[in-house]
Amino acid sequence: MLERIKKIFNRHINLKEVNYKTMQNMQKQKNAILIDVRSKQEYEEGHLIGAIWVSLYDLSEEILKVVPDKKAIIIVYCTSGMRSKQAQELLEQMGYEEVYNLKGGLNNI
């Protein structure tokens, strides 16, 4: 039980989050890849410039086609930051090393 609590606690401590301004700088200076993990309809209704759409629910199957380099800098976002946190954790479990979550998602811009 204690190990499970430690794992959950450490996962939240290690979560890398960036604000909108930092995200823009990372895109310009480090060629970060921006991934929108919302639904296709949400993406089509409006998304951040330069964002690639990969639904959270298809992420594990599609990410290698979109970002084959596991050392690439990736920033994930959604509306509130909840789905993108899940995406971030999934990508890290898959071996991606530099995955960041847009803190608060689009609601925080």
Protein backbone atom coordinates (compact mmCIF):
# COMPACT_ATOMS: atom_id res chain seq x y z
CA MET A 1 0.00 0.00 0.00
CA LEU A 2 2.80 2.41 0.92
CA GLU A 3 4.56 1.74 -2.39
CA ARG A 4 1.37 2.54 -4.31
CA ILE A 5 1.00 5.85 -2.46
CA LYS A 6 4.66 6.71 -3.15
CA LYS A 7 4.19 5.93 -6.85
CA ILE A 8 1.13 8.18 -7.11
CA PHE A 9 2.83 10.96 -5.13
CA ASN A 10 6.04 10.81 -7.18
CA ARG A 11 4.14 10.76 -10.46
CA HIS A 12 2.48 14.07 -9.60
CA ILE A 13 5.73 15.65 -8.38
CA ASN A 14 7.56 14.72 -11.59
CA LEU A 15 4.82 16.09 -13.83
CA LYS A 16 6.40 18.70 -16.11
CA GLU A 17 4.04 21.60 -16.78
CA VAL A 18 4.62 24.75 -18.78
CA ASN A 19 2.60 27.93 -19.13
CA TYR A 20 1.53 29.38 -22.48
CA LYS A 21 4.47 31.79 -22.80
CA THR A 22 7.01 29.07 -22.02
CA MET A 23 5.28 26.80 -24.53
CA GLN A 24 5.66 29.44 -27.26
CA ASN A 25 9.35 29.88 -26.43
CA MET A 26 9.92 26.13 -26.52
CA GLN A 27 8.27 25.92 -29.93
CA LYS A 28 10.48 28.68 -31.32
CA GLN A 29 13.79 27.93 -29.64
CA LYS A 30 13.72 24.17 -29.24
CA ASN A 31 11.41 23.08 -32.06
CA ALA A 32 9.03 21.51 -29.57
CA ILE A 33 6.20 19.51 -31.09
CA LEU A 34 2.76 20.64 -29.97
CA ILE A 35 0.11 17.93 -29.76
CA ASP A 36 -3.60 18.58 -29.25
CA VAL A 37 -5.12 15.51 -27.56
CA ARG A 38 -8.75 16.68 -27.67
CA SER A 39 -11.43 15.19 -29.94
CA LYS A 40 -11.31 15.78 -33.69
CA GLN A 41 -14.34 18.06 -33.44
CA GLU A 42 -12.71 20.18 -30.72
CA TYR A 43 -9.52 20.44 -32.78
CA GLU A 44 -11.41 21.46 -35.91
CA GLU A 45 -13.33 24.14 -33.99
CA GLY A 46 -10.01 25.78 -33.15
CA HIS A 47 -6.50 24.84 -32.07
CA LEU A 48 -3.14 26.42 -31.32
CA ILE A 49 -0.99 27.36 -34.30
CA GLY A 50 1.33 24.55 -35.27
CA ALA A 51 -0.52 21.91 -33.25
CA ILE A 52 -0.81 18.35 -34.50
CA TRP A 53 -3.99 16.49 -33.65
CA VAL A 54 -3.71 13.08 -32.02
CA SER A 55 -6.66 12.10 -29.84
CA LEU A 56 -5.79 10.90 -26.35
CA TYR A 57 -7.66 7.70 -27.13
CA ASP A 58 -5.53 6.98 -30.23
CA LEU A 59 -2.26 8.27 -28.82
CA SER A 60 -0.57 4.95 -28.05
CA GLU A 61 -1.30 3.70 -31.58
CA GLU A 62 -0.52 6.90 -33.52
CA ILE A 63 2.33 8.65 -31.70
CA LEU A 64 5.17 6.71 -33.33
CA LYS A 65 3.88 7.77 -36.74
CA VAL A 66 3.78 11.43 -35.68
CA VAL A 67 6.84 11.57 -33.41
CA PRO A 68 9.19 8.62 -33.95
CA ASP A 69 12.05 10.27 -31.99
CA LYS A 70 11.55 9.50 -28.29
CA LYS A 71 14.00 12.27 -27.40
CA ALA A 72 11.94 14.95 -29.14
CA ILE A 73 10.46 17.72 -27.02
CA ILE A 74 6.69 17.29 -26.91
CA ILE A 75 4.08 19.60 -25.39
CA VAL A 76 0.58 18.16 -25.01
CA TYR A 77 -2.58 20.16 -24.38
CA CYS A 78 -6.34 19.88 -24.14
CA THR A 79 -9.11 22.14 -22.85
CA SER A 80 -8.39 22.00 -19.11
CA GLY A 81 -5.14 20.08 -18.78
CA MET A 82 -6.69 16.84 -17.54
CA ARG A 83 -6.58 14.77 -20.73
CA SER A 84 -3.15 16.16 -21.55
CA LYS A 85 -1.86 15.02 -18.13
CA GLN A 86 -3.04 11.53 -19.02
CA ALA A 87 -1.35 11.85 -22.41
CA GLN A 88 1.86 13.02 -20.77
CA GLU A 89 1.91 10.05 -18.42
CA LEU A 90 1.20 7.64 -21.27
CA LEU A 91 3.99 9.08 -23.43
CA GLU A 92 6.43 8.88 -20.54
CA GLN A 93 5.46 5.23 -19.97
CA MET A 94 6.15 4.64 -23.67
CA GLY A 95 9.68 5.99 -23.24
CA TYR A 96 9.36 9.59 -24.43
CA GLU A 97 11.84 11.61 -22.39
CA GLU A 98 10.82 15.26 -22.82
CA VAL A 99 7.05 15.54 -22.47
CA TYR A 100 5.43 18.67 -21.05
CA ASN A 101 1.82 19.49 -20.26
CA LEU A 102 0.33 22.93 -20.99
CA LYS A 103 -0.77 23.90 -17.49
CA GLY A 104 -4.52 24.49 -17.31
CA GLY A 105 -4.90 23.76 -21.04
CA LEU A 106 -6.67 26.20 -23.35
CA ASN A 107 -8.74 27.46 -20.43
CA ASN A 108 -5.59 28.99 -18.95
CA ILE A 109 -4.50 31.01 -22.00
